[in-house]
Amino acid sequence: MTTQTLPLAGKVALVTGGSRSIGAAIARRLAADGAQVALTYSASPDKAREVVQAIASEGGRAMAIAADAGEPQAMRAAVAQTVDTFGRIDILVNNAGLALGGPIEDIEFETYQRMIAVNVTGVFVASQEAVRQMKDGGRVIHIGSSMTRYAAFPTASLYTLTKGAITGFNRSLVRDLGPKGITVNTVHPGPTDTDMNPDGGAVSDFVKPGIAVGRYGQPHEIASLVAFLAGPQAAFITGADIVADGGFTA
């Protein structure tokens, strides 16, 4: 595929939490489709550098930005640095997230505050800053969770609360951004082989039997869906909650 035919050629993307797992796969896929990519990281500088180097080795252009998604000013600065470096921003993927929790009676309020800061406030701030810079054809893509439809196990109420907030934000934001030609969608991964929820991990024994295709998803499969939503063929898709879970919540 030549540069001229790449679906995201000339576009600039910012992927929050892009150093590992689904975020890293998204960053690499968007770059493979022609976008220049900025990715944020908080605790994994080595992993972030690996992603940038992998993109560069494949002929792409990327940079890593140290930014805690739970710090609003860091998110504002990440958007600004993306625009300063690449000249624009066309695609925002709100991927950064935490999965802390436990029985609700045992959750510390500080844990609740941290989860809200990263999984909700970070999404709001990054979206607000990015759409101020986007033009017609912009894309905002949130990474949610299929647990907003089916809570497969206990101790995840706080996580599900934060991801449910993103679903509501997504549906209302389309009314603000539709007239500007910017689409907003949420991808809800089901059980996916990631650092937070590895295949063979703590919950896989009782989660995997409920997956219709009989296996965990892979990060690159989620990235493929995100790449489609970021591209020109998805211009009429907005306000959608798209579940990619191997039939887990069917």
C-alpha atoms as a PDB file:
ATOM      1  CA  MET A   1       0.000   0.000   0.000  1.00  0.00           C
ATOM      2  CA  THR A   2       1.492   3.344  -1.005  1.00  0.00           C
ATOM      3  CA  THR A   3       1.476   6.451   1.145  1.00  0.00           C
ATOM      4  CA  GLN A   4      -1.141   7.997  -1.148  1.00  0.00           C
ATOM      5  CA  THR A   5      -3.606   5.190  -0.447  1.00  0.00           C
ATOM      6  CA  LEU A   6      -3.160   4.957   3.307  1.00  0.00           C
ATOM      7  CA  PRO A   7      -6.523   5.841   4.881  1.00  0.00           C
ATOM      8  CA  LEU A   8      -5.022   8.090   7.567  1.00  0.00           C
ATOM      9  CA  ALA A   9      -2.271   9.730   5.515  1.00  0.00           C
ATOM     10  CA  GLY A  10      -1.869  13.358   6.587  1.00  0.00           C
ATOM     11  CA  LYS A  11      -3.745  12.821   9.851  1.00  0.00           C
ATOM     12  CA  VAL A  12      -2.437  13.280  13.389  1.00  0.00           C
ATOM     13  CA  ALA A  13      -3.585  11.081  16.257  1.00  0.00           C
ATOM     14  CA  LEU A  14      -3.198  11.262  20.029  1.00  0.00           C
ATOM     15  CA  VAL A  15      -3.617   7.991  21.913  1.00  0.00           C
ATOM     16  CA  THR A  16      -3.758   8.305  25.696  1.00  0.00           C
ATOM     17  CA  GLY A  17      -2.264   5.404  27.597  1.00  0.00           C
ATOM     18  CA  GLY A  18      -0.546   4.246  24.433  1.00  0.00           C
ATOM     19  CA  SER A  19       2.468   2.457  25.868  1.00  0.00           C
ATOM     20  CA  ARG A  20       0.975  -0.984  26.544  1.00  0.00           C
ATOM     21  CA  SER A  21      -1.639  -3.539  25.538  1.00  0.00           C
ATOM     22  CA  ILE A  22      -4.648  -2.105  23.667  1.00  0.00           C
ATOM     23  CA  GLY A  23      -3.231   1.426  23.632  1.00  0.00           C
ATOM     24  CA  ALA A  24       0.059   0.310  22.096  1.00  0.00           C
ATOM     25  CA  ALA A  25      -1.761  -1.758  19.483  1.00  0.00           C
ATOM     26  CA  ILE A  26      -3.933   1.237  18.589  1.00  0.00           C
ATOM     27  CA  ALA A  27      -0.939   3.564  18.263  1.00  0.00           C
ATOM     28  CA  ARG A  28       0.863   1.120  15.985  1.00  0.00           C
ATOM     29  CA  ARG A  29      -2.215   0.454  13.839  1.00  0.00           C
ATOM     30  CA  LEU A  30      -3.009   4.140  13.338  1.00  0.00           C
ATOM     31  CA  ALA A  31       0.603   4.738  12.355  1.00  0.00           C
ATOM     32  CA  ALA A  32       0.485   1.789   9.947  1.00  0.00           C
ATOM     33  CA  ASP A  33      -2.567   3.419   8.364  1.00  0.00           C
ATOM     34  CA  GLY A  34      -0.583   6.600   7.762  1.00  0.00           C
ATOM     35  CA  ALA A  35      -1.195   8.801  10.822  1.00  0.00           C
ATOM     36  CA  GLN A  36       1.483  10.603  12.756  1.00  0.00           C
ATOM     37  CA  VAL A  37       0.960   9.467  16.330  1.00  0.00           C
ATOM     38  CA  ALA A  38       1.511  10.963  19.764  1.00  0.00           C
ATOM     39  CA  LEU A  39       0.990   8.626  22.687  1.00  0.00           C
ATOM     40  CA  THR A  40       0.896   9.355  26.380  1.00  0.00           C
ATOM     41  CA  TYR A  41       2.239   7.217  29.182  1.00  0.00           C
ATOM     42  CA  SER A  42       2.448   7.503  32.940  1.00  0.00           C
ATOM     43  CA  ALA A  43       4.411   4.639  34.473  1.00  0.00           C
ATOM     44  CA  SER A  44       5.911   2.844  31.471  1.00  0.00           C
ATOM     45  CA  PRO A  45       8.544   5.034  29.767  1.00  0.00           C
ATOM     46  CA  ASP A  46      10.471   2.043  28.412  1.00  0.00           C
ATOM     47  CA  LYS A  47       7.330   0.543  26.899  1.00  0.00           C
ATOM     48  CA  ALA A  48       6.415   3.907  25.379  1.00  0.00           C
ATOM     49  CA  ARG A  49       9.845   4.175  23.756  1.00  0.00           C
ATOM     50  CA  GLU A  50       9.453   0.675  22.364  1.00  0.00           C
ATOM     51  CA  VAL A  51       6.195   1.646  20.680  1.00  0.00           C
ATOM     52  CA  VAL A  52       7.724   4.804  19.198  1.00  0.00           C
ATOM     53  CA  GLN A  53      10.748   2.855  17.953  1.00  0.00           C
ATOM     54  CA  ALA A  54       8.529   0.154  16.447  1.00  0.00           C
ATOM     55  CA  ILE A  55       6.527   2.780  14.561  1.00  0.00           C
ATOM     56  CA  ALA A  56       9.721   4.463  13.343  1.00  0.00           C
ATOM     57  CA  SER A  57      11.153   1.126  12.182  1.00  0.00           C
ATOM     58  CA  GLU A  58       8.060   0.671  10.029  1.00  0.00           C
ATOM     59  CA  GLY A  59       8.495   4.080   8.424  1.00  0.00           C
ATOM     60  CA  GLY A  60       6.078   6.020  10.623  1.00  0.00           C
ATOM     61  CA  ARG A  61       6.458   9.028  12.858  1.00  0.00           C
ATOM     62  CA  ALA A  62       5.557   9.015  16.535  1.00  0.00           C
ATOM     63  CA  MET A  63       6.418  10.543  19.871  1.00  0.00           C
ATOM     64  CA  ALA A  64       5.789   9.645  23.502  1.00  0.00           C
ATOM     65  CA  ILE A  65       4.552  12.187  26.041  1.00  0.00           C
ATOM     66  CA  ALA A  66       4.784  11.694  29.801  1.00  0.00           C
ATOM     67  CA  ALA A  67       1.307  12.605  31.052  1.00  0.00           C
ATOM     68  CA  ASP A  68      -0.773  11.236  33.913  1.00  0.00           C
ATOM     69  CA  ALA A  69      -4.342  11.005  32.624  1.00  0.00           C
ATOM     70  CA  GLY A  70      -5.576  11.879  36.104  1.00  0.00           C
ATOM     71  CA  GLU A  71      -3.894  15.291  35.994  1.00  0.00           C
ATOM     72  CA  PRO A  72      -5.948  17.767  33.932  1.00  0.00           C
ATOM     73  CA  GLN A  73      -3.035  20.061  33.188  1.00  0.00           C
ATOM     74  CA  ALA A  74      -1.000  17.113  31.933  1.00  0.00           C
ATOM     75  CA  MET A  75      -3.773  16.220  29.506  1.00  0.00           C
ATOM     76  CA  ARG A  76      -4.017  19.796  28.284  1.00  0.00           C
ATOM     77  CA  ALA A  77      -0.267  19.885  27.806  1.00  0.00           C
ATOM     78  CA  ALA A  78      -0.308  16.588  25.886  1.00  0.00           C
ATOM     79  CA  VAL A  79      -2.806  17.957  23.373  1.00  0.00           C
ATOM     80  CA  ALA A  80      -0.812  21.168  23.055  1.00  0.00           C
ATOM     81  CA  GLN A  81       2.442  19.265  22.520  1.00  0.00           C
ATOM     82  CA  THR A  82       0.828  17.112  19.857  1.00  0.00           C
ATOM     83  CA  VAL A  83      -0.333  20.193  17.961  1.00  0.00           C
ATOM     84  CA  ASP A  84       2.983  21.997  18.443  1.00  0.00           C
ATOM     85  CA  THR A  85       4.942  19.023  17.097  1.00  0.00           C
ATOM     86  CA  PHE A  86       2.724  17.773  14.290  1.00  0.00           C
ATOM     87  CA  GLY A  87       0.813  20.952  13.461  1.00  0.00           C
ATOM     88  CA  ARG A  88      -2.693  19.635  14.099  1.00  0.00           C
ATOM     89  CA  ILE A  89      -4.800  16.942  15.744  1.00  0.00           C
ATOM     90  CA  ASP A  90      -7.421  14.951  13.872  1.00  0.00           C
ATOM     91  CA  ILE A  91      -7.944  11.849  16.002  1.00  0.00           C
ATOM     92  CA  LEU A  92      -8.167  11.449  19.768  1.00  0.00           C
ATOM     93  CA  VAL A  93      -8.322   7.974  21.291  1.00  0.00           C
ATOM     94  CA  ASN A  94      -9.194   8.111  24.985  1.00  0.00           C
ATOM     95  CA  ASN A  95      -7.646   4.821  26.007  1.00  0.00           C
ATOM     96  CA  ALA A  96      -5.891   5.564  29.316  1.00  0.00           C
ATOM     97  CA  GLY A  97      -7.640   3.909  32.242  1.00  0.00           C
ATOM     98  CA  LEU A  98      -7.327   2.188  35.576  1.00  0.00           C
ATOM     99  CA  ALA A  99      -9.099  -0.917  36.861  1.00  0.00           C
ATOM    100  CA  LEU A 100      -9.062  -0.598  40.645  1.00  0.00           C
ATOM    101  CA  GLY A 101     -11.831  -1.834  42.862  1.00  0.00           C
ATOM    102  CA  GLY A 102     -13.026  -4.416  45.319  1.00  0.00           C
ATOM    103  CA  PRO A 103     -16.204  -4.938  47.333  1.00  0.00           C
ATOM    104  CA  ILE A 104     -17.928  -1.570  47.515  1.00  0.00           C
ATOM    105  CA  GLU A 105     -17.865  -1.518  51.308  1.00  0.00           C
ATOM    106  CA  ASP A 106     -14.076  -1.829  51.223  1.00  0.00           C
ATOM    107  CA  ILE A 107     -13.181   0.715  48.525  1.00  0.00           C
ATOM    108  CA  GLU A 108     -11.229   3.650  49.911  1.00  0.00           C
ATOM    109  CA  PHE A 109     -12.546   7.047  48.906  1.00  0.00           C
ATOM    110  CA  GLU A 110      -9.085   7.939  47.624  1.00  0.00           C
ATOM    111  CA  THR A 111      -9.332   4.980  45.244  1.00  0.00           C
ATOM    112  CA  TYR A 112     -12.676   6.258  44.012  1.00  0.00           C
ATOM    113  CA  GLN A 113     -11.216   9.715  43.451  1.00  0.00           C
ATOM    114  CA  ARG A 114      -8.256   8.337  41.526  1.00  0.00           C
ATOM    115  CA  MET A 115     -10.479   6.231  39.289  1.00  0.00           C
ATOM    116  CA  ILE A 116     -12.744   9.176  38.535  1.00  0.00           C
ATOM    117  CA  ALA A 117      -9.711  11.376  37.831  1.00  0.00           C
ATOM    118  CA  VAL A 118      -8.198   8.987  35.282  1.00  0.00           C
ATOM    119  CA  ASN A 119     -11.208   7.260  33.732  1.00  0.00           C
ATOM    120  CA  VAL A 120     -13.645  10.178  33.629  1.00  0.00           C
ATOM    121  CA  THR A 121     -11.983  13.561  34.180  1.00  0.00           C
ATOM    122  CA  GLY A 122      -9.048  12.646  31.962  1.00  0.00           C
ATOM    123  CA  VAL A 123     -11.419  11.713  29.147  1.00  0.00           C
ATOM    124  CA  PHE A 124     -13.377  14.955  29.533  1.00  0.00           C
ATOM    125  CA  VAL A 125     -10.302  17.189  29.587  1.00  0.00           C
ATOM    126  CA  ALA A 126      -8.541  15.472  26.688  1.00  0.00           C
ATOM    127  CA  SER A 127     -11.730  15.598  24.612  1.00  0.00           C
ATOM    128  CA  GLN A 128     -12.373  19.243  25.432  1.00  0.00           C
ATOM    129  CA  GLU A 129      -8.862  20.301  24.495  1.00  0.00           C
ATOM    130  CA  ALA A 130      -8.674  18.166  21.365  1.00  0.00           C
ATOM    131  CA  VAL A 131     -11.974  19.266  19.825  1.00  0.00           C
ATOM    132  CA  ARG A 132     -10.922  22.891  20.215  1.00  0.00           C
ATOM    133  CA  GLN A 133      -8.204  22.072  17.684  1.00  0.00           C
ATOM    134  CA  MET A 134     -10.065  19.670  15.395  1.00  0.00           C
ATOM    135  CA  LYS A 135     -11.542  20.562  12.048  1.00  0.00           C
ATOM    136  CA  ASP A 136     -14.212  18.907   9.918  1.00  0.00           C
ATOM    137  CA  GLY A 137     -13.421  15.200   9.760  1.00  0.00           C
ATOM    138  CA  GLY A 138     -12.148  14.975  13.336  1.00  0.00           C
ATOM    139  CA  ARG A 139     -12.569  11.776  15.322  1.00  0.00           C
ATOM    140  CA  VAL A 140     -12.987  11.193  19.059  1.00  0.00           C
ATOM    141  CA  ILE A 141     -12.918   7.531  20.069  1.00  0.00           C
ATOM    142  CA  HIS A 142     -13.349   6.363  23.649  1.00  0.00           C
ATOM    143  CA  ILE A 143     -12.339   2.961  24.958  1.00  0.00           C
ATOM    144  CA  GLY A 144     -15.093   1.736  27.267  1.00  0.00           C
ATOM    145  CA  SER A 145     -15.869  -1.765  28.508  1.00  0.00           C
ATOM    146  CA  SER A 146     -18.396  -4.487  27.777  1.00  0.00           C
ATOM    147  CA  MET A 147     -18.909  -4.625  31.557  1.00  0.00           C
ATOM    148  CA  THR A 148     -21.276  -1.682  31.195  1.00  0.00           C
ATOM    149  CA  ARG A 149     -23.622  -4.257  29.619  1.00  0.00           C
ATOM    150  CA  TYR A 150     -22.790  -7.347  31.611  1.00  0.00           C
ATOM    151  CA  ALA A 151     -20.899  -7.379  34.914  1.00  0.00           C
ATOM    152  CA  ALA A 152     -19.426 -10.859  34.792  1.00  0.00           C
ATOM    153  CA  PHE A 153     -17.926 -10.913  38.276  1.00  0.00           C
ATOM    154  CA  PRO A 154     -18.087  -8.976  41.572  1.00  0.00           C
ATOM    155  CA  THR A 155     -15.684  -6.267  42.817  1.00  0.00           C
ATOM    156  CA  ALA A 156     -15.865  -4.234  39.589  1.00  0.00           C
ATOM    157  CA  SER A 157     -18.609  -1.751  40.507  1.00  0.00           C
ATOM    158  CA  LEU A 158     -16.260   1.242  40.623  1.00  0.00           C
ATOM    159  CA  TYR A 159     -14.672   0.395  37.280  1.00  0.00           C
ATOM    160  CA  THR A 160     -18.089  -0.091  35.694  1.00  0.00           C
ATOM    161  CA  LEU A 161     -19.279   3.222  37.143  1.00  0.00           C
ATOM    162  CA  THR A 162     -16.486   5.071  35.377  1.00  0.00           C
ATOM    163  CA  LYS A 163     -16.970   3.312  32.061  1.00  0.00           C
ATOM    164  CA  GLY A 164     -20.716   3.895  32.237  1.00  0.00           C
ATOM    165  CA  ALA A 165     -20.032   7.609  32.559  1.00  0.00           C
ATOM    166  CA  ILE A 166     -18.160   7.490  29.264  1.00  0.00           C
ATOM    167  CA  THR A 167     -21.167   5.908  27.544  1.00  0.00           C
ATOM    168  CA  GLY A 168     -23.393   8.816  28.571  1.00  0.00           C
ATOM    169  CA  PHE A 169     -20.744  11.380  27.642  1.00  0.00           C
ATOM    170  CA  ASN A 170     -20.395   9.789  24.208  1.00  0.00           C
ATOM    171  CA  ARG A 171     -24.090   9.938  23.405  1.00  0.00           C
ATOM    172  CA  SER A 172     -24.516  13.572  24.351  1.00  0.00           C
ATOM    173  CA  LEU A 173     -21.270  14.827  22.857  1.00  0.00           C
ATOM    174  CA  VAL A 174     -22.418  13.950  19.347  1.00  0.00           C
ATOM    175  CA  ARG A 175     -24.961  16.778  19.518  1.00  0.00           C
ATOM    176  CA  ASP A 176     -22.213  19.296  20.205  1.00  0.00           C
ATOM    177  CA  LEU A 177     -19.753  17.983  17.643  1.00  0.00           C
ATOM    178  CA  GLY A 178     -21.938  16.712  14.803  1.00  0.00           C
ATOM    179  CA  PRO A 179     -22.425  20.179  13.277  1.00  0.00           C
ATOM    180  CA  LYS A 180     -18.634  20.578  13.280  1.00  0.00           C
ATOM    181  CA  GLY A 181     -18.144  17.391  11.283  1.00  0.00           C
ATOM    182  CA  ILE A 182     -16.496  15.584  14.220  1.00  0.00           C
ATOM    183  CA  THR A 183     -17.628  12.075  15.070  1.00  0.00           C
ATOM    184  CA  VAL A 184     -17.625  10.547  18.566  1.00  0.00           C
ATOM    185  CA  ASN A 185     -17.820   6.821  19.239  1.00  0.00           C
ATOM    186  CA  THR A 186     -17.058   4.342  22.002  1.00  0.00           C
ATOM    187  CA  VAL A 187     -15.500   0.928  21.555  1.00  0.00           C
ATOM    188  CA  HIS A 188     -16.338  -1.515  24.344  1.00  0.00           C
ATOM    189  CA  PRO A 189     -13.817  -4.352  24.468  1.00  0.00           C
ATOM    190  CA  GLY A 190     -14.805  -7.588  26.113  1.00  0.00           C
ATOM    191  CA  PRO A 191     -12.295  -9.973  27.698  1.00  0.00           C
ATOM    192  CA  THR A 192      -9.033  -9.057  25.981  1.00  0.00           C
ATOM    193  CA  ASP A 193      -5.550 -10.369  26.656  1.00  0.00           C
ATOM    194  CA  THR A 194      -3.961  -7.319  28.290  1.00  0.00           C
ATOM    195  CA  ASP A 195      -1.745  -6.480  31.234  1.00  0.00           C
ATOM    196  CA  MET A 196      -4.829  -5.698  33.325  1.00  0.00           C
ATOM    197  CA  ASN A 197      -6.786  -8.814  32.335  1.00  0.00           C
ATOM    198  CA  PRO A 198      -4.459 -11.463  30.904  1.00  0.00           C
ATOM    199  CA  ASP A 199      -5.692 -14.654  29.340  1.00  0.00           C
ATOM    200  CA  GLY A 200      -5.047 -17.173  32.106  1.00  0.00           C
ATOM    201  CA  GLY A 201      -5.331 -14.504  34.793  1.00  0.00           C
ATOM    202  CA  ALA A 202      -7.449 -14.272  37.928  1.00  0.00           C
ATOM    203  CA  VAL A 203     -10.853 -14.141  36.230  1.00  0.00           C
ATOM    204  CA  SER A 204     -10.280 -15.999  32.984  1.00  0.00           C
ATOM    205  CA  ASP A 205     -11.372 -19.428  34.275  1.00  0.00           C
ATOM    206  CA  PHE A 206     -14.963 -18.318  34.776  1.00  0.00           C
ATOM    207  CA  VAL A 207     -15.041 -15.588  32.103  1.00  0.00           C
ATOM    208  CA  LYS A 208     -13.715 -17.560  29.130  1.00  0.00           C
ATOM    209  CA  PRO A 209     -16.557 -20.153  29.035  1.00  0.00           C
ATOM    210  CA  GLY A 210     -18.995 -17.286  28.398  1.00  0.00           C
ATOM    211  CA  ILE A 211     -17.143 -15.994  25.329  1.00  0.00           C
ATOM    212  CA  ALA A 212     -18.997 -17.284  22.284  1.00  0.00           C
ATOM    213  CA  VAL A 213     -15.871 -17.606  20.139  1.00  0.00           C
ATOM    214  CA  GLY A 214     -14.135 -19.501  22.928  1.00  0.00           C
ATOM    215  CA  ARG A 215     -11.130 -17.248  23.442  1.00  0.00           C
ATOM    216  CA  TYR A 216      -9.929 -13.895  24.687  1.00  0.00           C
ATOM    217  CA  GLY A 217      -9.609 -11.054  22.210  1.00  0.00           C
ATOM    218  CA  GLN A 218      -6.241  -9.693  21.160  1.00  0.00           C
ATOM    219  CA  PRO A 219      -5.256  -6.008  21.360  1.00  0.00           C
ATOM    220  CA  HIS A 220      -4.732  -5.796  17.601  1.00  0.00           C
ATOM    221  CA  GLU A 221      -8.358  -6.826  17.068  1.00  0.00           C
ATOM    222  CA  ILE A 222      -9.584  -3.876  19.128  1.00  0.00           C
ATOM    223  CA  ALA A 223      -7.110  -1.649  17.300  1.00  0.00           C
ATOM    224  CA  SER A 224      -8.584  -2.687  13.942  1.00  0.00           C
ATOM    225  CA  LEU A 225     -12.015  -1.442  14.997  1.00  0.00           C
ATOM    226  CA  VAL A 226     -10.578   1.827  16.286  1.00  0.00           C
ATOM    227  CA  ALA A 227      -8.702   2.310  13.016  1.00  0.00           C
ATOM    228  CA  PHE A 228     -11.909   1.867  11.038  1.00  0.00           C
ATOM    229  CA  LEU A 229     -13.728   4.444  13.165  1.00  0.00           C
ATOM    230  CA  ALA A 230     -10.795   6.833  12.711  1.00  0.00           C
ATOM    231  CA  GLY A 231     -10.904   6.524   8.938  1.00  0.00           C
ATOM    232  CA  PRO A 232     -12.893   8.175   6.169  1.00  0.00           C
ATOM    233  CA  GLN A 233     -15.285   5.249   5.663  1.00  0.00           C
ATOM    234  CA  ALA A 234     -16.734   5.805   9.161  1.00  0.00           C
ATOM    235  CA  ALA A 235     -17.800   9.407   8.551  1.00  0.00           C
ATOM    236  CA  PHE A 236     -21.499   8.581   9.067  1.00  0.00           C
ATOM    237  CA  ILE A 237     -20.969   6.638  12.300  1.00  0.00           C
ATOM    238  CA  THR A 238     -21.268   8.753  15.426  1.00  0.00           C
ATOM    239  CA  GLY A 239     -22.756   8.287  18.871  1.00  0.00           C
ATOM    240  CA  ALA A 240     -22.258   4.533  18.576  1.00  0.00           C
ATOM    241  CA  ASP A 241     -21.410   2.110  21.369  1.00  0.00           C
ATOM    242  CA  ILE A 242     -19.696  -0.739  19.542  1.00  0.00           C
ATOM    243  CA  VAL A 243     -19.039  -3.920  21.521  1.00  0.00           C
ATOM    244  CA  ALA A 244     -16.070  -6.081  20.497  1.00  0.00           C
ATOM    245  CA  ASP A 245     -16.276  -9.010  22.884  1.00  0.00           C
ATOM    246  CA  GLY A 246     -16.433 -12.269  20.947  1.00  0.00           C
ATOM    247  CA  GLY A 247     -20.115 -12.607  21.791  1.00  0.00           C
ATOM    248  CA  PHE A 248     -19.572 -12.363  25.540  1.00  0.00           C
ATOM    249  CA  THR A 249     -22.561 -10.065  26.081  1.00  0.00           C
ATOM    250  CA  ALA A 250     -24.719 -11.419  23.222  1.00  0.00           C
END
